[in-house]
Amino acid sequence: MTRHRAQRGFTLVEVLVALLIFAISVVGLVALESRSIESHKASAQIREAERVAQEAMADLSSRAFLEFVERDFEGNPNPSFPYDDRNLDVQERLRAFRSPPADTDVAVPGSVAGQFLVFRSVDWVVDQSAPPSNPPMPDELARVNALVLDVTVLWVDDTNPAFPPPASARTQDLDPAMVVPGDPLFAPHVGHVQLRTVRINDAVLFVP
């Protein structure tokens, strides 16, 4: 009788408890793995957004000071400050995730077209005690001390389960105001990277 009891094995309750513990462990591991994947994806998005922002800023930095004063991003002459490029065709401001080089049409596996939206803006720094006209007259250009160049890259961030984007969220509909806390348009599911540089007035002015 004693030998029989020693060999009967686990009871049903013990098996159920073991299965419950195993199930809880599996669920925890799956959740941890899912969060790890989301974190990796978020880091990749930020890195790509930084690359896009740096490329846009490099393009702005390569332009002469007078180019920003003479024409805006749409080519309109004598722009008033500040101005931006939001009136350009949105397709011109969309950038791809892991985009191919500019000189090839071959798609890169894994690239996501139009995942990032670029906004550029130009403002000026002037002496508030004696500001020039806006837009400045040719003989007032020396009174423009510097230009502030801004590049903002936006994207729909779907990696944060606490703030999932709505199903209708589209990259082309994003606006810089969406990343400003307190703004009526603020949206926590919008990721952003912003770069800013100051361009000193290095234009050579010839006074007759």
N, C-alpha and C. Protein backbone atom coordinates (compact mmCIF):
# COMPACT_ATOMS: atom_id res chain seq x y z
N MET A 1 0.83 -1.20 0.00
CA MET A 1 0.00 0.00 0.00
C MET A 1 0.86 1.24 0.00
N THR A 2 1.91 1.25 0.78
CA THR A 2 2.83 2.39 0.84
C THR A 2 3.56 2.57 -0.48
N ARG A 3 3.97 1.45 -1.10
CA ARG A 3 4.65 1.50 -2.38
C ARG A 3 3.74 2.08 -3.44
N HIS A 4 2.47 1.81 -3.46
CA HIS A 4 1.51 2.29 -4.45
C HIS A 4 1.36 3.81 -4.35
N ARG A 5 1.25 4.32 -3.14
CA ARG A 5 1.10 5.77 -2.96
C ARG A 5 2.35 6.51 -3.42
N ALA A 6 3.53 5.97 -3.23
CA ALA A 6 4.78 6.63 -3.61
C ALA A 6 4.93 6.72 -5.12
N GLN A 7 4.28 5.83 -5.88
CA GLN A 7 4.44 5.78 -7.31
C GLN A 7 3.27 6.39 -8.08
N ARG A 8 2.28 7.00 -7.40
CA ARG A 8 1.09 7.46 -8.12
C ARG A 8 1.34 8.74 -8.92
N GLY A 9 2.42 9.53 -8.67
CA GLY A 9 2.77 10.71 -9.46
C GLY A 9 2.08 11.97 -8.98
N PHE A 10 1.98 12.97 -9.90
CA PHE A 10 1.39 14.28 -9.55
C PHE A 10 -0.13 14.20 -9.55
N THR A 11 -0.72 15.04 -8.70
CA THR A 11 -2.18 15.14 -8.69
C THR A 11 -2.61 16.13 -9.76
N LEU A 12 -3.89 16.14 -10.06
CA LEU A 12 -4.42 17.05 -11.08
C LEU A 12 -4.20 18.51 -10.69
N VAL A 13 -4.34 18.81 -9.41
CA VAL A 13 -4.14 20.19 -8.94
C VAL A 13 -2.70 20.64 -9.16
N GLU A 14 -1.76 19.76 -8.88
CA GLU A 14 -0.35 20.09 -9.08
C GLU A 14 -0.04 20.34 -10.55
N VAL A 15 -0.62 19.55 -11.44
CA VAL A 15 -0.40 19.74 -12.87
C VAL A 15 -0.97 21.07 -13.34
N LEU A 16 -2.18 21.40 -12.86
CA LEU A 16 -2.80 22.67 -13.25
C LEU A 16 -1.99 23.86 -12.76
N VAL A 17 -1.48 23.78 -11.53
CA VAL A 17 -0.66 24.87 -11.00
C VAL A 17 0.62 25.04 -11.84
N ALA A 18 1.24 23.94 -12.20
CA ALA A 18 2.45 24.00 -13.02
C ALA A 18 2.16 24.61 -14.39
N LEU A 19 1.02 24.22 -15.00
CA LEU A 19 0.64 24.78 -16.29
C LEU A 19 0.37 26.28 -16.19
N LEU A 20 -0.25 26.69 -15.09
CA LEU A 20 -0.55 28.11 -14.89
C LEU A 20 0.74 28.92 -14.79
N ILE A 21 1.68 28.42 -14.01
CA ILE A 21 2.97 29.12 -13.87
C ILE A 21 3.69 29.20 -15.22
N PHE A 22 3.65 28.10 -15.97
CA PHE A 22 4.30 28.08 -17.28
C PHE A 22 3.65 29.08 -18.23
N ALA A 23 2.32 29.14 -18.20
CA ALA A 23 1.60 30.06 -19.09
C ALA A 23 1.94 31.51 -18.76
N ILE A 24 1.99 31.83 -17.45
CA ILE A 24 2.34 33.20 -17.04
C ILE A 24 3.75 33.55 -17.50
N SER A 25 4.66 32.61 -17.39
CA SER A 25 6.05 32.85 -17.82
C SER A 25 6.13 33.10 -19.32
N VAL A 26 5.39 32.32 -20.09
CA VAL A 26 5.40 32.48 -21.55
C VAL A 26 4.84 33.83 -21.95
N VAL A 27 3.73 34.20 -21.33
CA VAL A 27 3.12 35.51 -21.64
C VAL A 27 4.09 36.64 -21.33
N GLY A 28 4.79 36.55 -20.20
CA GLY A 28 5.77 37.57 -19.85
C GLY A 28 6.90 37.65 -20.84
N LEU A 29 7.39 36.50 -21.28
CA LEU A 29 8.48 36.49 -22.25
C LEU A 29 8.04 37.06 -23.60
N VAL A 30 6.81 36.72 -24.02
CA VAL A 30 6.30 37.25 -25.29
C VAL A 30 6.16 38.76 -25.21
N ALA A 31 5.64 39.27 -24.08
CA ALA A 31 5.49 40.72 -23.91
C ALA A 31 6.84 41.41 -23.92
N LEU A 32 7.82 40.80 -23.26
CA LEU A 32 9.17 41.37 -23.22
C LEU A 32 9.79 41.39 -24.60
N GLU A 33 9.62 40.32 -25.36
CA GLU A 33 10.16 40.26 -26.72
C GLU A 33 9.48 41.28 -27.61
N SER A 34 8.16 41.43 -27.45
CA SER A 34 7.43 42.40 -28.26
C SER A 34 7.92 43.82 -27.98
N ARG A 35 8.13 44.14 -26.70
CA ARG A 35 8.62 45.47 -26.34
C ARG A 35 10.02 45.70 -26.86
N SER A 36 10.84 44.64 -26.85
CA SER A 36 12.20 44.76 -27.37
C SER A 36 12.18 45.07 -28.87
N ILE A 37 11.28 44.43 -29.60
CA ILE A 37 11.16 44.69 -31.04
C ILE A 37 10.71 46.12 -31.28
N GLU A 38 9.74 46.59 -30.48
CA GLU A 38 9.24 47.96 -30.63
C GLU A 38 10.34 48.97 -30.32
N SER A 39 11.14 48.69 -29.29
CA SER A 39 12.23 49.59 -28.92
C SER A 39 13.27 49.66 -30.03
N HIS A 40 13.58 48.52 -30.63
CA HIS A 40 14.53 48.48 -31.74
C HIS A 40 14.00 49.26 -32.94
N LYS A 41 12.72 49.11 -33.22
CA LYS A 41 12.10 49.82 -34.33
C LYS A 41 12.10 51.32 -34.09
N ALA A 42 11.81 51.73 -32.84
CA ALA A 42 11.81 53.15 -32.50
C ALA A 42 13.21 53.75 -32.68
N SER A 43 14.24 53.02 -32.25
CA SER A 43 15.62 53.50 -32.41
C SER A 43 15.99 53.63 -33.88
N ALA A 44 15.55 52.67 -34.68
CA ALA A 44 15.83 52.73 -36.12
C ALA A 44 15.15 53.93 -36.77
N GLN A 45 13.92 54.21 -36.35
CA GLN A 45 13.20 55.36 -36.91
C GLN A 45 13.91 56.66 -36.55
N ILE A 46 14.37 56.78 -35.32
CA ILE A 46 15.06 58.01 -34.90
C ILE A 46 16.36 58.17 -35.68
N ARG A 47 17.11 57.09 -35.86
CA ARG A 47 18.37 57.18 -36.60
C ARG A 47 18.11 57.62 -38.04
N GLU A 48 17.10 57.05 -38.67
CA GLU A 48 16.79 57.43 -40.05
C GLU A 48 16.30 58.86 -40.13
N ALA A 49 15.49 59.29 -39.15
CA ALA A 49 15.01 60.67 -39.14
C ALA A 49 16.17 61.64 -38.97
N GLU A 50 17.15 61.28 -38.15
CA GLU A 50 18.33 62.13 -37.98
C GLU A 50 19.10 62.22 -39.29
N ARG A 51 19.21 61.11 -40.01
CA ARG A 51 19.90 61.12 -41.30
C ARG A 51 19.19 62.04 -42.28
N VAL A 52 17.85 61.93 -42.34
CA VAL A 52 17.07 62.78 -43.24
C VAL A 52 17.24 64.25 -42.87
N ALA A 53 17.19 64.55 -41.56
CA ALA A 53 17.34 65.94 -41.10
C ALA A 53 18.73 66.48 -41.43
N GLN A 54 19.75 65.66 -41.25
CA GLN A 54 21.11 66.10 -41.55
C GLN A 54 21.30 66.37 -43.04
N GLU A 55 20.69 65.55 -43.88
CA GLU A 55 20.78 65.78 -45.32
C GLU A 55 20.09 67.09 -45.70
N ALA A 56 18.91 67.34 -45.12
CA ALA A 56 18.19 68.57 -45.43
C ALA A 56 18.96 69.79 -44.93
N MET A 57 19.55 69.69 -43.74
CA MET A 57 20.32 70.81 -43.20
C MET A 57 21.60 71.04 -44.01
N ALA A 58 22.22 69.96 -44.46
CA ALA A 58 23.42 70.12 -45.28
C ALA A 58 23.09 70.86 -46.58
N ASP A 59 21.92 70.58 -47.14
CA ASP A 59 21.50 71.29 -48.35
C ASP A 59 21.30 72.78 -48.06
N LEU A 60 20.66 73.11 -46.94
CA LEU A 60 20.46 74.51 -46.59
C LEU A 60 21.79 75.20 -46.32
N SER A 61 22.68 74.51 -45.62
CA SER A 61 23.97 75.12 -45.26
C SER A 61 24.84 75.38 -46.47
N SER A 62 24.59 74.67 -47.56
CA SER A 62 25.40 74.85 -48.77
C SER A 62 24.96 76.08 -49.58
N ARG A 63 23.85 76.67 -49.22
CA ARG A 63 23.34 77.82 -49.96
C ARG A 63 23.93 79.12 -49.43
N ALA A 64 24.07 80.09 -50.33
CA ALA A 64 24.61 81.38 -49.95
C ALA A 64 23.59 82.17 -49.13
N PHE A 65 24.10 83.06 -48.30
CA PHE A 65 23.24 83.88 -47.46
C PHE A 65 22.22 84.65 -48.30
N LEU A 66 22.67 85.22 -49.39
CA LEU A 66 21.78 86.04 -50.21
C LEU A 66 20.67 85.23 -50.87
N GLU A 67 20.88 83.93 -51.05
CA GLU A 67 19.83 83.10 -51.65
C GLU A 67 18.58 83.10 -50.79
N PHE A 68 18.76 83.04 -49.47
CA PHE A 68 17.61 83.02 -48.56
C PHE A 68 16.91 84.37 -48.51
N VAL A 69 17.66 85.42 -48.74
CA VAL A 69 17.08 86.76 -48.69
C VAL A 69 16.37 87.10 -49.99
N GLU A 70 16.90 86.61 -51.10
CA GLU A 70 16.36 86.97 -52.40
C GLU A 70 15.11 86.17 -52.77
N ARG A 71 15.05 84.91 -52.40
CA ARG A 71 13.92 84.07 -52.79
C ARG A 71 13.58 83.08 -51.68
N ASP A 72 12.26 82.73 -51.59
CA ASP A 72 11.85 81.72 -50.61
C ASP A 72 11.93 80.34 -51.24
N PHE A 73 11.44 79.33 -50.54
CA PHE A 73 11.54 77.96 -51.03
C PHE A 73 10.72 77.71 -52.29
N GLU A 74 9.70 78.53 -52.52
CA GLU A 74 8.88 78.40 -53.72
C GLU A 74 9.42 79.20 -54.90
N GLY A 75 10.49 79.96 -54.66
CA GLY A 75 11.07 80.77 -55.72
C GLY A 75 10.50 82.17 -55.80
N ASN A 76 9.66 82.54 -54.84
CA ASN A 76 9.10 83.89 -54.84
C ASN A 76 10.17 84.89 -54.42
N PRO A 77 10.30 86.03 -55.13
CA PRO A 77 11.35 87.00 -54.79
C PRO A 77 11.00 87.82 -53.55
N ASN A 78 12.05 88.31 -52.89
CA ASN A 78 11.94 89.21 -51.74
C ASN A 78 10.97 88.70 -50.67
N PRO A 79 11.25 87.56 -50.08
CA PRO A 79 10.32 87.01 -49.08
C PRO A 79 10.36 87.79 -47.77
N SER A 80 9.24 87.78 -47.06
CA SER A 80 9.19 88.34 -45.71
C SER A 80 9.58 87.25 -44.72
N PHE A 81 10.16 87.63 -43.61
CA PHE A 81 10.60 86.67 -42.60
C PHE A 81 9.62 86.63 -41.43
N PRO A 82 9.41 85.46 -40.84
CA PRO A 82 9.96 84.16 -41.25
C PRO A 82 9.15 83.55 -42.39
N TYR A 83 9.73 82.56 -43.05
CA TYR A 83 9.00 81.81 -44.07
C TYR A 83 9.40 80.35 -44.00
N ASP A 84 8.57 79.49 -44.60
CA ASP A 84 8.85 78.05 -44.57
C ASP A 84 8.47 77.43 -45.90
N ASP A 85 8.52 76.10 -45.96
CA ASP A 85 8.25 75.40 -47.22
C ASP A 85 6.95 74.61 -47.20
N ARG A 86 6.03 74.93 -46.28
CA ARG A 86 4.82 74.13 -46.15
C ARG A 86 3.91 74.25 -47.38
N ASN A 87 4.09 75.29 -48.20
CA ASN A 87 3.25 75.43 -49.39
C ASN A 87 3.77 74.64 -50.58
N LEU A 88 4.95 74.04 -50.44
CA LEU A 88 5.45 73.18 -51.51
C LEU A 88 4.61 71.90 -51.58
N ASP A 89 4.61 71.25 -52.73
CA ASP A 89 3.92 69.98 -52.88
C ASP A 89 4.43 69.01 -51.83
N VAL A 90 3.52 68.41 -51.08
CA VAL A 90 3.92 67.54 -49.99
C VAL A 90 4.77 66.37 -50.49
N GLN A 91 4.57 65.96 -51.73
CA GLN A 91 5.37 64.85 -52.26
C GLN A 91 6.85 65.22 -52.36
N GLU A 92 7.13 66.50 -52.49
CA GLU A 92 8.53 66.95 -52.56
C GLU A 92 9.20 66.91 -51.20
N ARG A 93 8.40 66.84 -50.14
CA ARG A 93 8.95 66.89 -48.79
C ARG A 93 8.90 65.53 -48.08
N LEU A 94 8.41 64.53 -48.76
CA LEU A 94 8.40 63.18 -48.19
C LEU A 94 9.73 62.49 -48.43
N ARG A 95 10.20 61.76 -47.44
CA ARG A 95 11.45 61.02 -47.56
C ARG A 95 11.21 59.57 -47.15
N ALA A 96 12.02 58.68 -47.70
CA ALA A 96 11.84 57.25 -47.44
C ALA A 96 12.72 56.79 -46.28
N PHE A 97 12.27 55.75 -45.63
CA PHE A 97 13.06 55.05 -44.63
C PHE A 97 14.06 54.16 -45.35
N ARG A 98 15.36 54.37 -45.06
CA ARG A 98 16.42 53.64 -45.76
C ARG A 98 16.29 53.82 -47.27
N SER A 99 16.22 55.06 -47.69
CA SER A 99 16.05 55.35 -49.11
C SER A 99 17.31 55.00 -49.88
N PRO A 100 17.17 54.66 -51.17
CA PRO A 100 18.34 54.37 -51.99
C PRO A 100 19.09 55.65 -52.30
N PRO A 101 20.34 55.54 -52.80
CA PRO A 101 21.08 56.75 -53.20
C PRO A 101 20.30 57.53 -54.25
N ALA A 102 20.54 58.84 -54.30
CA ALA A 102 19.77 59.71 -55.19
C ALA A 102 20.02 59.41 -56.66
N ASP A 103 21.15 58.76 -56.98
CA ASP A 103 21.48 58.54 -58.38
C ASP A 103 21.07 57.16 -58.88
N THR A 104 20.21 56.48 -58.16
CA THR A 104 19.73 55.18 -58.63
C THR A 104 18.24 55.05 -58.40
N ASP A 105 17.58 54.30 -59.27
CA ASP A 105 16.15 54.07 -59.15
C ASP A 105 15.83 52.71 -58.56
N VAL A 106 16.87 52.00 -58.16
CA VAL A 106 16.67 50.66 -57.62
C VAL A 106 16.19 50.75 -56.18
N ALA A 107 15.06 50.10 -55.90
CA ALA A 107 14.49 50.14 -54.54
C ALA A 107 15.34 49.29 -53.60
N VAL A 108 15.51 49.76 -52.41
CA VAL A 108 16.26 49.02 -51.39
C VAL A 108 15.29 48.13 -50.62
N PRO A 109 15.57 46.83 -50.51
CA PRO A 109 14.67 45.96 -49.75
C PRO A 109 14.49 46.48 -48.33
N GLY A 110 13.24 46.54 -47.89
CA GLY A 110 12.95 47.01 -46.55
C GLY A 110 12.71 48.50 -46.45
N SER A 111 12.86 49.24 -47.56
CA SER A 111 12.62 50.68 -47.50
C SER A 111 11.12 50.96 -47.44
N VAL A 112 10.76 52.05 -46.79
CA VAL A 112 9.37 52.47 -46.66
C VAL A 112 9.25 53.87 -47.26
N ALA A 113 8.65 53.97 -48.41
CA ALA A 113 8.56 55.26 -49.09
C ALA A 113 7.64 56.21 -48.33
N GLY A 114 8.06 57.47 -48.26
CA GLY A 114 7.21 58.49 -47.66
C GLY A 114 6.97 58.33 -46.17
N GLN A 115 7.91 57.76 -45.44
CA GLN A 115 7.69 57.58 -44.00
C GLN A 115 7.99 58.85 -43.21
N PHE A 116 8.83 59.74 -43.76
CA PHE A 116 9.21 60.96 -43.07
C PHE A 116 8.76 62.19 -43.85
N LEU A 117 8.39 63.24 -43.12
CA LEU A 117 7.98 64.49 -43.73
C LEU A 117 8.92 65.59 -43.24
N VAL A 118 9.49 66.35 -44.18
CA VAL A 118 10.47 67.38 -43.86
C VAL A 118 9.83 68.76 -43.91
N PHE A 119 10.09 69.55 -42.87
CA PHE A 119 9.69 70.96 -42.83
C PHE A 119 10.96 71.80 -42.67
N ARG A 120 11.08 72.84 -43.49
CA ARG A 120 12.21 73.76 -43.38
C ARG A 120 11.67 75.17 -43.15
N SER A 121 12.36 75.94 -42.35
CA SER A 121 11.94 77.32 -42.13
C SER A 121 13.17 78.22 -41.98
N VAL A 122 12.97 79.50 -42.30
CA VAL A 122 14.04 80.50 -42.22
C VAL A 122 13.51 81.71 -41.47
N ASP A 123 14.22 82.13 -40.46
CA ASP A 123 13.89 83.35 -39.73
C ASP A 123 15.14 84.22 -39.68
N TRP A 124 14.99 85.45 -39.27
CA TRP A 124 16.15 86.32 -39.23
C TRP A 124 16.42 86.83 -37.82
N VAL A 125 17.67 87.31 -37.63
CA VAL A 125 18.09 87.93 -36.39
C VAL A 125 18.50 89.36 -36.73
N VAL A 126 17.80 90.33 -36.15
CA VAL A 126 18.08 91.73 -36.44
C VAL A 126 18.17 92.51 -35.12
N ASP A 127 18.72 93.69 -35.22
CA ASP A 127 18.77 94.58 -34.06
C ASP A 127 17.39 95.19 -33.87
N GLN A 128 16.73 94.82 -32.78
CA GLN A 128 15.37 95.29 -32.55
C GLN A 128 15.28 96.80 -32.35
N SER A 129 16.38 97.43 -32.02
CA SER A 129 16.36 98.89 -31.85
C SER A 129 16.35 99.62 -33.20
N ALA A 130 16.82 98.95 -34.25
CA ALA A 130 16.81 99.55 -35.58
C ALA A 130 16.58 98.46 -36.62
N PRO A 131 15.41 97.82 -36.61
CA PRO A 131 15.16 96.71 -37.55
C PRO A 131 15.01 97.21 -38.98
N PRO A 132 15.40 96.38 -39.94
CA PRO A 132 15.18 96.73 -41.34
C PRO A 132 13.73 96.51 -41.73
N SER A 133 13.38 96.91 -42.95
CA SER A 133 12.05 96.63 -43.47
C SER A 133 11.90 95.12 -43.63
N ASN A 134 10.67 94.67 -43.69
CA ASN A 134 10.41 93.23 -43.88
C ASN A 134 9.45 93.06 -45.06
N PRO A 135 9.93 92.64 -46.24
CA PRO A 135 11.30 92.21 -46.55
C PRO A 135 12.28 93.39 -46.58
N PRO A 136 13.57 93.07 -46.35
CA PRO A 136 14.56 94.16 -46.28
C PRO A 136 14.84 94.75 -47.66
N MET A 137 15.09 96.05 -47.69
CA MET A 137 15.51 96.72 -48.90
C MET A 137 16.98 96.38 -49.16
N PRO A 138 17.43 96.48 -50.41
CA PRO A 138 18.83 96.14 -50.71
C PRO A 138 19.84 96.87 -49.85
N ASP A 139 19.58 98.15 -49.53
CA ASP A 139 20.54 98.90 -48.72
C ASP A 139 20.40 98.61 -47.23
N GLU A 140 19.48 97.71 -46.86
CA GLU A 140 19.29 97.35 -45.45
C GLU A 140 19.83 95.97 -45.11
N LEU A 141 20.41 95.29 -46.08
CA LEU A 141 20.85 93.92 -45.85
C LEU A 141 21.92 93.82 -44.76
N ALA A 142 22.71 94.86 -44.61
CA ALA A 142 23.75 94.84 -43.58
C ALA A 142 23.14 94.84 -42.19
N ARG A 143 21.86 95.19 -42.08
CA ARG A 143 21.21 95.23 -40.77
C ARG A 143 20.57 93.88 -40.41
N VAL A 144 20.69 92.90 -41.32
CA VAL A 144 20.28 91.53 -41.01
C VAL A 144 21.50 90.81 -40.46
N ASN A 145 21.52 90.60 -39.17
CA ASN A 145 22.71 90.04 -38.52
C ASN A 145 22.94 88.57 -38.88
N ALA A 146 21.87 87.81 -38.93
CA ALA A 146 22.01 86.37 -39.19
C ALA A 146 20.66 85.79 -39.59
N LEU A 147 20.69 84.56 -40.06
CA LEU A 147 19.49 83.82 -40.37
C LEU A 147 19.47 82.54 -39.52
N VAL A 148 18.28 82.18 -39.05
CA VAL A 148 18.10 80.95 -38.28
C VAL A 148 17.45 79.92 -39.19
N LEU A 149 18.17 78.83 -39.45
CA LEU A 149 17.68 77.77 -40.34
C LEU A 149 17.20 76.60 -39.49
N ASP A 150 15.97 76.19 -39.71
CA ASP A 150 15.37 75.08 -38.96
C ASP A 150 14.96 73.96 -39.90
N VAL A 151 15.23 72.74 -39.49
CA VAL A 151 14.76 71.54 -40.19
C VAL A 151 14.06 70.65 -39.18
N THR A 152 12.82 70.31 -39.45
CA THR A 152 12.05 69.41 -38.59
C THR A 152 11.59 68.22 -39.41
N VAL A 153 11.86 67.03 -38.91
CA VAL A 153 11.45 65.79 -39.58
C VAL A 153 10.40 65.12 -38.71
N LEU A 154 9.25 64.80 -39.30
CA LEU A 154 8.13 64.20 -38.57
C LEU A 154 7.83 62.81 -39.12
N TRP A 155 7.29 61.96 -38.27
CA TRP A 155 6.82 60.66 -38.72
C TRP A 155 5.75 60.14 -37.76
N VAL A 156 4.96 59.19 -38.23
CA VAL A 156 3.93 58.56 -37.40
C VAL A 156 4.61 57.45 -36.60
N ASP A 157 4.67 57.66 -35.28
CA ASP A 157 5.35 56.71 -34.40
C ASP A 157 4.36 55.64 -33.92
N ASP A 158 4.53 54.43 -34.41
CA ASP A 158 3.63 53.34 -34.04
C ASP A 158 4.31 52.35 -33.10
N THR A 159 5.36 52.80 -32.40
CA THR A 159 6.12 51.89 -31.54
C THR A 159 5.78 52.03 -30.07
N ASN A 160 4.91 52.98 -29.72
CA ASN A 160 4.56 53.19 -28.31
C ASN A 160 3.13 52.71 -28.07
N PRO A 161 2.96 51.56 -27.41
CA PRO A 161 1.61 51.03 -27.20
C PRO A 161 0.74 51.92 -26.32
N ALA A 162 1.35 52.83 -25.55
CA ALA A 162 0.58 53.73 -24.70
C ALA A 162 -0.12 54.82 -25.51
N PHE A 163 0.48 55.16 -26.67
CA PHE A 163 -0.10 56.21 -27.52
C PHE A 163 -0.13 55.72 -28.97
N PRO A 164 -0.94 54.74 -29.29
CA PRO A 164 -0.98 54.23 -30.67
C PRO A 164 -1.59 55.26 -31.61
N PRO A 165 -1.09 55.36 -32.84
CA PRO A 165 -1.66 56.32 -33.78
C PRO A 165 -3.03 55.85 -34.27
N PRO A 166 -3.91 56.79 -34.60
CA PRO A 166 -5.21 56.37 -35.16
C PRO A 166 -5.01 55.73 -36.52
N ALA A 167 -5.96 54.93 -36.93
CA ALA A 167 -5.86 54.22 -38.21
C ALA A 167 -5.78 55.19 -39.38
N SER A 168 -6.30 56.40 -39.20
CA SER A 168 -6.33 57.38 -40.28
C SER A 168 -5.06 58.23 -40.36
N ALA A 169 -4.10 58.02 -39.45
CA ALA A 169 -2.90 58.84 -39.42
C ALA A 169 -2.07 58.64 -40.68
N ARG A 170 -1.68 59.74 -41.33
CA ARG A 170 -0.87 59.68 -42.53
C ARG A 170 0.30 60.66 -42.40
N THR A 171 1.45 60.25 -42.92
CA THR A 171 2.64 61.09 -42.83
C THR A 171 2.42 62.45 -43.48
N GLN A 172 1.78 62.47 -44.63
CA GLN A 172 1.60 63.73 -45.37
C GLN A 172 0.68 64.72 -44.68
N ASP A 173 -0.03 64.28 -43.64
CA ASP A 173 -0.93 65.18 -42.92
C ASP A 173 -0.29 65.77 -41.66
N LEU A 174 0.95 65.42 -41.38
CA LEU A 174 1.59 65.86 -40.15
C LEU A 174 1.95 67.35 -40.22
N ASP A 175 2.03 67.95 -39.04
CA ASP A 175 2.34 69.38 -38.92
C ASP A 175 3.27 69.57 -37.73
N PRO A 176 4.23 70.50 -37.81
CA PRO A 176 5.14 70.72 -36.68
C PRO A 176 4.44 71.03 -35.37
N ALA A 177 3.25 71.62 -35.43
CA ALA A 177 2.52 71.94 -34.20
C ALA A 177 2.14 70.68 -33.43
N MET A 178 2.13 69.52 -34.09
CA MET A 178 1.73 68.28 -33.45
C MET A 178 2.73 67.80 -32.40
N VAL A 179 3.95 68.35 -32.40
CA VAL A 179 4.95 67.92 -31.44
C VAL A 179 5.16 68.96 -30.34
N VAL A 180 4.30 69.97 -30.31
CA VAL A 180 4.42 71.02 -29.29
C VAL A 180 3.39 70.78 -28.19
N PRO A 181 3.81 70.36 -26.99
CA PRO A 181 2.86 70.15 -25.90
C PRO A 181 2.08 71.43 -25.60
N GLY A 182 0.79 71.28 -25.42
CA GLY A 182 -0.05 72.43 -25.15
C GLY A 182 -0.70 73.02 -26.38
N ASP A 183 -0.16 72.69 -27.56
CA ASP A 183 -0.78 73.17 -28.79
C ASP A 183 -2.05 72.36 -29.06
N PRO A 184 -3.10 72.99 -29.59
CA PRO A 184 -4.33 72.24 -29.89
C PRO A 184 -4.12 71.05 -30.82
N LEU A 185 -3.09 71.12 -31.66
CA LEU A 185 -2.83 70.03 -32.60
C LEU A 185 -1.89 68.96 -32.04
N PHE A 186 -1.44 69.13 -30.80
CA PHE A 186 -0.46 68.19 -30.25
C PHE A 186 -0.97 66.75 -30.32
N ALA A 187 -0.11 65.85 -30.81
CA ALA A 187 -0.45 64.43 -30.96
C ALA A 187 0.72 63.60 -30.46
N PRO A 188 0.56 62.81 -29.40
CA PRO A 188 1.68 62.06 -28.82
C PRO A 188 2.21 60.95 -29.72
N HIS A 189 1.49 60.61 -30.77
CA HIS A 189 1.95 59.54 -31.66
C HIS A 189 2.84 60.07 -32.79
N VAL A 190 3.16 61.35 -32.77
CA VAL A 190 4.00 61.93 -33.82
C VAL A 190 5.43 62.06 -33.31
N GLY A 191 6.35 61.39 -33.98
CA GLY A 191 7.76 61.50 -33.62
C GLY A 191 8.40 62.64 -34.38
N HIS A 192 9.48 63.18 -33.83
CA HIS A 192 10.14 64.29 -34.54
C HIS A 192 11.61 64.39 -34.17
N VAL A 193 12.36 64.94 -35.12
CA VAL A 193 13.76 65.31 -34.92
C VAL A 193 13.91 66.72 -35.48
N GLN A 194 14.57 67.59 -34.73
CA GLN A 194 14.73 68.97 -35.17
C GLN A 194 16.19 69.38 -35.11
N LEU A 195 16.65 70.05 -36.18
CA LEU A 195 17.99 70.60 -36.23
C LEU A 195 17.87 72.10 -36.45
N ARG A 196 18.79 72.85 -35.85
CA ARG A 196 18.79 74.31 -36.01
C ARG A 196 20.22 74.81 -36.11
N THR A 197 20.43 75.74 -37.01
CA THR A 197 21.74 76.37 -37.13
C THR A 197 21.54 77.85 -37.42
N VAL A 198 22.54 78.64 -37.09
CA VAL A 198 22.50 80.08 -37.33
C VAL A 198 23.50 80.42 -38.42
N ARG A 199 23.02 81.07 -39.46
CA ARG A 199 23.87 81.47 -40.59
C ARG A 199 24.18 82.96 -40.47
N ILE A 200 25.44 83.27 -40.17
CA ILE A 200 25.87 84.65 -40.02
C ILE A 200 25.84 85.34 -41.38
N ASN A 201 25.51 86.63 -41.39
CA ASN A 201 25.48 87.40 -42.62
C ASN A 201 26.91 87.59 -43.13
N ASP A 202 27.27 86.72 -44.08
CA ASP A 202 28.62 86.78 -44.66
C ASP A 202 28.59 87.31 -46.08
N ALA A 203 27.45 87.93 -46.47
CA ALA A 203 27.31 88.46 -47.81
C ALA A 203 28.23 89.67 -47.99
N VAL A 204 28.81 89.77 -49.17
CA VAL A 204 29.67 90.91 -49.51
C VAL A 204 28.77 91.98 -50.12
N LEU A 205 28.66 93.12 -49.47
CA LEU A 205 27.80 94.20 -49.92
C LEU A 205 28.63 95.30 -50.55
N PHE A 206 28.22 95.68 -51.75
CA PHE A 206 28.91 96.75 -52.45
C PHE A 206 28.06 98.00 -52.36
N VAL A 207 28.56 99.01 -51.71
CA VAL A 207 27.84 100.26 -51.55
C VAL A 207 28.36 101.26 -52.59
N PRO A 208 27.48 101.76 -53.49
CA PRO A 208 27.93 102.68 -54.54
C PRO A 208 28.43 104.01 -53.95
